[in-house]
PDB file of all heavy atoms in Angstrom:
ATOM      1  N   SER A   1       4.282  -4.808  10.350  1.00  0.00           N
ATOM      2  CA  SER A   1       4.436  -4.643  11.796  1.00  0.00           C
ATOM      3  C   SER A   1       2.939  -4.236  12.344  1.00  0.00           C
ATOM      4  O   SER A   1       2.696  -4.361  13.446  1.00  0.00           O
ATOM      5  CB  SER A   1       5.373  -3.507  12.207  1.00  0.00           C
ATOM      6  OG  SER A   1       5.121  -2.370  11.478  1.00  0.00           O
ATOM      7  N   GLY A   2       2.130  -3.796  11.483  1.00  0.00           N
ATOM      8  CA  GLY A   2       0.774  -3.363  11.886  1.00  0.00           C
ATOM      9  C   GLY A   2      -0.231  -3.770  10.849  1.00  0.00           C
ATOM     10  O   GLY A   2       0.158  -4.344   9.750  1.00  0.00           O
ATOM     11  N   THR A   3      -1.448  -3.570  11.019  1.00  0.00           N
ATOM     12  CA  THR A   3      -2.432  -3.887  10.138  1.00  0.00           C
ATOM     13  C   THR A   3      -3.370  -2.639   9.891  1.00  0.00           C
ATOM     14  O   THR A   3      -3.632  -1.952  10.868  1.00  0.00           O
ATOM     15  CB  THR A   3      -3.342  -5.004  10.605  1.00  0.00           C
ATOM     16  OG1 THR A   3      -3.953  -4.658  11.910  1.00  0.00           O
ATOM     17  CG2 THR A   3      -2.581  -6.348  10.873  1.00  0.00           C
ATOM     18  N   PRO A   4      -3.928  -2.466   8.706  1.00  0.00           N
ATOM     19  CA  PRO A   4      -4.801  -1.373   8.454  1.00  0.00           C
ATOM     20  C   PRO A   4      -6.077  -1.658   9.080  1.00  0.00           C
ATOM     21  O   PRO A   4      -6.455  -2.841   9.367  1.00  0.00           O
ATOM     22  CB  PRO A   4      -4.914  -1.398   6.865  1.00  0.00           C
ATOM     23  CG  PRO A   4      -4.630  -2.697   6.462  1.00  0.00           C
ATOM     24  CD  PRO A   4      -3.680  -3.302   7.507  1.00  0.00           C
ATOM     25  N   PRO A   5      -6.996  -0.621   9.288  1.00  0.00           N
ATOM     26  CA  PRO A   5      -8.262  -1.041   9.911  1.00  0.00           C
ATOM     27  C   PRO A   5      -9.179  -1.731   8.992  1.00  0.00           C
ATOM     28  O   PRO A   5      -8.990  -1.732   7.720  1.00  0.00           O
ATOM     29  CB  PRO A   5      -8.878   0.403  10.163  1.00  0.00           C
ATOM     30  CG  PRO A   5      -8.173   1.323   9.210  1.00  0.00           C
ATOM     31  CD  PRO A   5      -6.760   0.743   9.049  1.00  0.00           C
ATOM     32  N   GLU A   6     -10.098  -2.450   9.526  1.00  0.00           N
ATOM     33  CA  GLU A   6     -11.082  -3.187   8.651  1.00  0.00           C
ATOM     34  C   GLU A   6     -11.894  -2.226   7.800  1.00  0.00           C
ATOM     35  O   GLU A   6     -12.254  -1.215   8.245  1.00  0.00           O
ATOM     36  CB  GLU A   6     -12.086  -3.938   9.605  1.00  0.00           C
ATOM     37  CG  GLU A   6     -13.140  -4.804   8.882  1.00  0.00           C
ATOM     38  CD  GLU A   6     -14.029  -5.592   9.817  1.00  0.00           C
ATOM     39  OE1 GLU A   6     -13.755  -5.495  11.098  1.00  0.00           O
ATOM     40  OE2 GLU A   6     -14.967  -6.170   9.285  1.00  0.00           O
ATOM     41  N   GLY A   7     -12.033  -2.591   6.501  1.00  0.00           N
ATOM     42  CA  GLY A   7     -12.667  -1.784   5.540  1.00  0.00           C
ATOM     43  C   GLY A   7     -11.704  -0.944   4.633  1.00  0.00           C
ATOM     44  O   GLY A   7     -12.199  -0.303   3.722  1.00  0.00           O
ATOM     45  N   ALA A   8     -10.480  -0.863   4.992  1.00  0.00           N
ATOM     46  CA  ALA A   8      -9.505  -0.162   4.205  1.00  0.00           C
ATOM     47  C   ALA A   8      -8.641  -1.175   3.366  1.00  0.00           C
ATOM     48  O   ALA A   8      -8.399  -2.274   3.680  1.00  0.00           O
ATOM     49  CB  ALA A   8      -8.529   0.558   5.122  1.00  0.00           C
ATOM     50  N   ALA A   9      -8.387  -0.679   2.129  1.00  0.00           N
ATOM     51  CA  ALA A   9      -7.534  -1.525   1.219  1.00  0.00           C
ATOM     52  C   ALA A   9      -6.194  -1.301   1.710  1.00  0.00           C
ATOM     53  O   ALA A   9      -5.780  -0.335   2.327  1.00  0.00           O
ATOM     54  CB  ALA A   9      -7.717  -1.102  -0.253  1.00  0.00           C
ATOM     55  N   PHE A  10      -5.308  -2.350   1.334  1.00  0.00           N
ATOM     56  CA  PHE A  10      -3.842  -2.161   1.723  1.00  0.00           C
ATOM     57  C   PHE A  10      -2.979  -2.517   0.471  1.00  0.00           C
ATOM     58  O   PHE A  10      -3.187  -3.536  -0.195  1.00  0.00           O
ATOM     59  CB  PHE A  10      -3.561  -3.206   2.852  1.00  0.00           C
ATOM     60  CG  PHE A  10      -2.068  -3.216   3.172  1.00  0.00           C
ATOM     61  CD1 PHE A  10      -1.524  -2.102   3.853  1.00  0.00           C
ATOM     62  CD2 PHE A  10      -1.278  -4.268   2.879  1.00  0.00           C
ATOM     63  CE1 PHE A  10      -0.162  -2.104   4.316  1.00  0.00           C
ATOM     64  CE2 PHE A  10       0.040  -4.297   3.279  1.00  0.00           C
ATOM     65  CZ  PHE A  10       0.592  -3.148   3.996  1.00  0.00           C
ATOM     66  N   VAL A  11      -1.953  -1.654   0.344  1.00  0.00           N
ATOM     67  CA  VAL A  11      -1.029  -1.838  -0.742  1.00  0.00           C
ATOM     68  C   VAL A  11       0.507  -1.799  -0.153  1.00  0.00           C
ATOM     69  O   VAL A  11       0.693  -0.787   0.460  1.00  0.00           O
ATOM     70  CB  VAL A  11      -1.067  -0.869  -1.810  1.00  0.00           C
ATOM     71  CG1 VAL A  11       0.045  -1.002  -2.872  1.00  0.00           C
ATOM     72  CG2 VAL A  11      -2.546  -0.907  -2.588  1.00  0.00           C
ATOM     73  N   ARG A  12       1.171  -2.838  -0.267  1.00  0.00           N
ATOM     74  CA  ARG A  12       2.500  -2.806   0.373  1.00  0.00           C
ATOM     75  C   ARG A  12       3.399  -1.951  -0.640  1.00  0.00           C
ATOM     76  O   ARG A  12       3.409  -2.032  -1.793  1.00  0.00           O
ATOM     77  CB  ARG A  12       3.114  -4.246   0.421  1.00  0.00           C
ATOM     78  CG  ARG A  12       4.375  -4.282   1.253  1.00  0.00           C
ATOM     79  CD  ARG A  12       4.852  -5.781   1.265  1.00  0.00           C
ATOM     80  NE  ARG A  12       3.771  -6.696   1.716  1.00  0.00           N
ATOM     81  CZ  ARG A  12       3.366  -6.759   3.036  1.00  0.00           C
ATOM     82  NH1 ARG A  12       3.985  -6.052   3.973  1.00  0.00           N
ATOM     83  NH2 ARG A  12       2.450  -7.641   3.336  1.00  0.00           N
ATOM     84  N   TRP A  13       4.135  -1.017   0.114  1.00  0.00           N
ATOM     85  CA  TRP A  13       4.957  -0.091  -0.705  1.00  0.00           C
ATOM     86  C   TRP A  13       6.117   0.398   0.214  1.00  0.00           C
ATOM     87  O   TRP A  13       5.943   1.015   1.268  1.00  0.00           O
ATOM     88  CB  TRP A  13       4.201   1.181  -1.066  1.00  0.00           C
ATOM     89  CG  TRP A  13       5.021   2.130  -1.864  1.00  0.00           C
ATOM     90  CD1 TRP A  13       6.058   1.974  -2.594  1.00  0.00           C
ATOM     91  CD2 TRP A  13       4.599   3.607  -2.011  1.00  0.00           C
ATOM     92  NE1 TRP A  13       6.501   3.189  -3.149  1.00  0.00           N
ATOM     93  CE2 TRP A  13       5.642   4.099  -2.917  1.00  0.00           C
ATOM     94  CE3 TRP A  13       3.594   4.407  -1.650  1.00  0.00           C
ATOM     95  CZ2 TRP A  13       5.614   5.433  -3.283  1.00  0.00           C
ATOM     96  CZ3 TRP A  13       3.575   5.683  -2.013  1.00  0.00           C
ATOM     97  CH2 TRP A  13       4.607   6.238  -2.952  1.00  0.00           C
ATOM     98  N   ASP A  14       7.353  -0.035  -0.173  1.00  0.00           N
ATOM     99  CA  ASP A  14       8.524   0.616   0.336  1.00  0.00           C
ATOM    100  C   ASP A  14       8.774   1.945  -0.411  1.00  0.00           C
ATOM    101  O   ASP A  14       9.065   1.987  -1.590  1.00  0.00           O
ATOM    102  CB  ASP A  14       9.721  -0.409   0.135  1.00  0.00           C
ATOM    103  CG  ASP A  14      11.003   0.085   0.697  1.00  0.00           C
ATOM    104  OD1 ASP A  14      11.128   1.306   0.949  1.00  0.00           O
ATOM    105  OD2 ASP A  14      11.915  -0.629   1.028  1.00  0.00           O
ATOM    106  N   ARG A  15       8.636   3.036   0.324  1.00  0.00           N
ATOM    107  CA  ARG A  15       8.692   4.255  -0.317  1.00  0.00           C
ATOM    108  C   ARG A  15      10.013   4.717  -0.829  1.00  0.00           C
ATOM    109  O   ARG A  15      10.187   5.862  -1.440  1.00  0.00           O
ATOM    110  CB  ARG A  15       8.067   5.342   0.610  1.00  0.00           C
ATOM    111  CG  ARG A  15       6.658   5.060   0.883  1.00  0.00           C
ATOM    112  CD  ARG A  15       6.067   6.064   1.947  1.00  0.00           C
ATOM    113  NE  ARG A  15       6.064   7.453   1.362  1.00  0.00           N
ATOM    114  CZ  ARG A  15       5.516   8.482   2.047  1.00  0.00           C
ATOM    115  NH1 ARG A  15       5.078   8.290   3.288  1.00  0.00           N
ATOM    116  NH2 ARG A  15       5.604   9.734   1.590  1.00  0.00           N
ATOM    117  N   ALA A  16      11.081   3.897  -0.586  1.00  0.00           N
ATOM    118  CA  ALA A  16      12.267   4.079  -1.459  1.00  0.00           C
ATOM    119  C   ALA A  16      12.211   3.586  -2.827  1.00  0.00           C
ATOM    120  O   ALA A  16      13.050   3.821  -3.648  1.00  0.00           O
ATOM    121  CB  ALA A  16      13.342   3.395  -0.659  1.00  0.00           C
ATOM    122  N   GLU A  17      11.150   2.923  -3.185  1.00  0.00           N
ATOM    123  CA  GLU A  17      10.918   2.270  -4.458  1.00  0.00           C
ATOM    124  C   GLU A  17       9.845   3.056  -5.206  1.00  0.00           C
ATOM    125  O   GLU A  17       9.047   3.784  -4.572  1.00  0.00           O
ATOM    126  CB  GLU A  17      10.485   0.888  -4.336  1.00  0.00           C
ATOM    127  CG  GLU A  17      11.551  -0.100  -3.571  1.00  0.00           C
ATOM    128  CD  GLU A  17      12.815  -0.139  -4.299  1.00  0.00           C
ATOM    129  OE1 GLU A  17      12.879  -0.036  -5.510  1.00  0.00           O
ATOM    130  OE2 GLU A  17      13.821  -0.229  -3.572  1.00  0.00           O
ATOM    131  N   PRO A  18       9.830   2.920  -6.591  1.00  0.00           N
ATOM    132  CA  PRO A  18       8.727   3.608  -7.355  1.00  0.00           C
ATOM    133  C   PRO A  18       7.331   3.181  -6.823  1.00  0.00           C
ATOM    134  O   PRO A  18       7.087   2.134  -6.242  1.00  0.00           O
ATOM    135  CB  PRO A  18       8.928   3.045  -8.708  1.00  0.00           C
ATOM    136  CG  PRO A  18      10.427   2.706  -8.753  1.00  0.00           C
ATOM    137  CD  PRO A  18      10.709   2.100  -7.471  1.00  0.00           C
ATOM    138  N   VAL A  19       6.405   4.053  -7.070  1.00  0.00           N
ATOM    139  CA  VAL A  19       5.004   3.811  -6.741  1.00  0.00           C
ATOM    140  C   VAL A  19       4.425   2.578  -7.223  1.00  0.00           C
ATOM    141  O   VAL A  19       4.633   2.351  -8.517  1.00  0.00           O
ATOM    142  CB  VAL A  19       4.129   5.020  -7.027  1.00  0.00           C
ATOM    143  CG1 VAL A  19       3.998   5.302  -8.370  1.00  0.00           C
ATOM    144  CG2 VAL A  19       2.707   4.839  -6.390  1.00  0.00           C
ATOM    145  N   PRO A  20       3.819   1.637  -6.653  1.00  0.00           N
ATOM    146  CA  PRO A  20       3.249   0.406  -7.155  1.00  0.00           C
ATOM    147  C   PRO A  20       2.090   0.776  -8.189  1.00  0.00           C
ATOM    148  O   PRO A  20       1.375   1.719  -7.988  1.00  0.00           O
ATOM    149  CB  PRO A  20       2.760  -0.360  -5.998  1.00  0.00           C
ATOM    150  CG  PRO A  20       3.356   0.308  -4.826  1.00  0.00           C
ATOM    151  CD  PRO A  20       3.630   1.742  -5.125  1.00  0.00           C
ATOM    152  N   ASP A  21       2.004  -0.166  -9.132  1.00  0.00           N
ATOM    153  CA  ASP A  21       0.942   0.024 -10.099  1.00  0.00           C
ATOM    154  C   ASP A  21      -0.445  -0.005  -9.517  1.00  0.00           C
ATOM    155  O   ASP A  21      -1.356   0.666  -9.963  1.00  0.00           O
ATOM    156  CB  ASP A  21       1.025  -1.120 -11.188  1.00  0.00           C
ATOM    157  CG  ASP A  21       2.201  -1.031 -12.003  1.00  0.00           C
ATOM    158  OD1 ASP A  21       2.757   0.041 -12.163  1.00  0.00           O
ATOM    159  OD2 ASP A  21       2.588  -1.983 -12.740  1.00  0.00           O
ATOM    160  N   GLU A  22      -0.624  -0.759  -8.350  1.00  0.00           N
ATOM    161  CA  GLU A  22      -1.884  -0.808  -7.689  1.00  0.00           C
ATOM    162  C   GLU A  22      -2.440   0.581  -7.254  1.00  0.00           C
ATOM    163  O   GLU A  22      -3.560   0.821  -7.247  1.00  0.00           O
ATOM    164  CB  GLU A  22      -1.852  -1.748  -6.473  1.00  0.00           C
ATOM    165  CG  GLU A  22      -1.522  -3.130  -6.769  1.00  0.00           C
ATOM    166  CD  GLU A  22      -0.075  -3.492  -6.545  1.00  0.00           C
ATOM    167  OE1 GLU A  22       0.794  -2.702  -7.081  1.00  0.00           O
ATOM    168  OE2 GLU A  22       0.296  -4.399  -5.841  1.00  0.00           O
ATOM    169  N   LEU A  23      -1.447   1.396  -6.911  1.00  0.00           N
ATOM    170  CA  LEU A  23      -1.807   2.792  -6.473  1.00  0.00           C
ATOM    171  C   LEU A  23      -2.115   3.702  -7.631  1.00  0.00           C
ATOM    172  O   LEU A  23      -3.043   4.561  -7.579  1.00  0.00           O
ATOM    173  CB  LEU A  23      -0.710   3.425  -5.616  1.00  0.00           C
ATOM    174  CG  LEU A  23      -0.500   2.711  -4.227  1.00  0.00           C
ATOM    175  CD1 LEU A  23       0.612   3.501  -3.476  1.00  0.00           C
ATOM    176  CD2 LEU A  23      -1.705   2.656  -3.440  1.00  0.00           C
ATOM    177  N   THR A  24      -1.401   3.641  -8.662  1.00  0.00           N
ATOM    178  CA  THR A  24      -1.634   4.522  -9.865  1.00  0.00           C
ATOM    179  C   THR A  24      -2.894   4.120 -10.615  1.00  0.00           C
ATOM    180  O   THR A  24      -3.578   4.887 -11.247  1.00  0.00           O
ATOM    181  CB  THR A  24      -0.528   4.431 -10.856  1.00  0.00           C
ATOM    182  OG1 THR A  24      -0.277   3.113 -11.246  1.00  0.00           O
ATOM    183  CG2 THR A  24       0.806   4.963 -10.212  1.00  0.00           C
ATOM    184  N   ARG A  25      -3.287   2.864 -10.492  1.00  0.00           N
ATOM    185  CA  ARG A  25      -4.509   2.284 -11.174  1.00  0.00           C
ATOM    186  C   ARG A  25      -5.736   2.591 -10.363  1.00  0.00           C
ATOM    187  O   ARG A  25      -6.855   2.489 -10.838  1.00  0.00           O
ATOM    188  CB  ARG A  25      -4.429   0.811 -11.518  1.00  0.00           C
ATOM    189  CG  ARG A  25      -3.488   0.546 -12.519  1.00  0.00           C
ATOM    190  CD  ARG A  25      -3.758  -0.902 -13.151  1.00  0.00           C
ATOM    191  NE  ARG A  25      -3.706  -1.895 -11.960  1.00  0.00           N
ATOM    192  CZ  ARG A  25      -2.674  -2.661 -11.662  1.00  0.00           C
ATOM    193  NH1 ARG A  25      -1.503  -2.446 -12.199  1.00  0.00           N
ATOM    194  NH2 ARG A  25      -2.892  -3.508 -10.672  1.00  0.00           N
TER     195      ARG A  25
END
């Protein structure tokens, strides 16, 4: 529904689910 600002990385995460590997790495 929105976009992160330019220059920021983005990881899709439904917080009802376990943390994605992209965040732990």
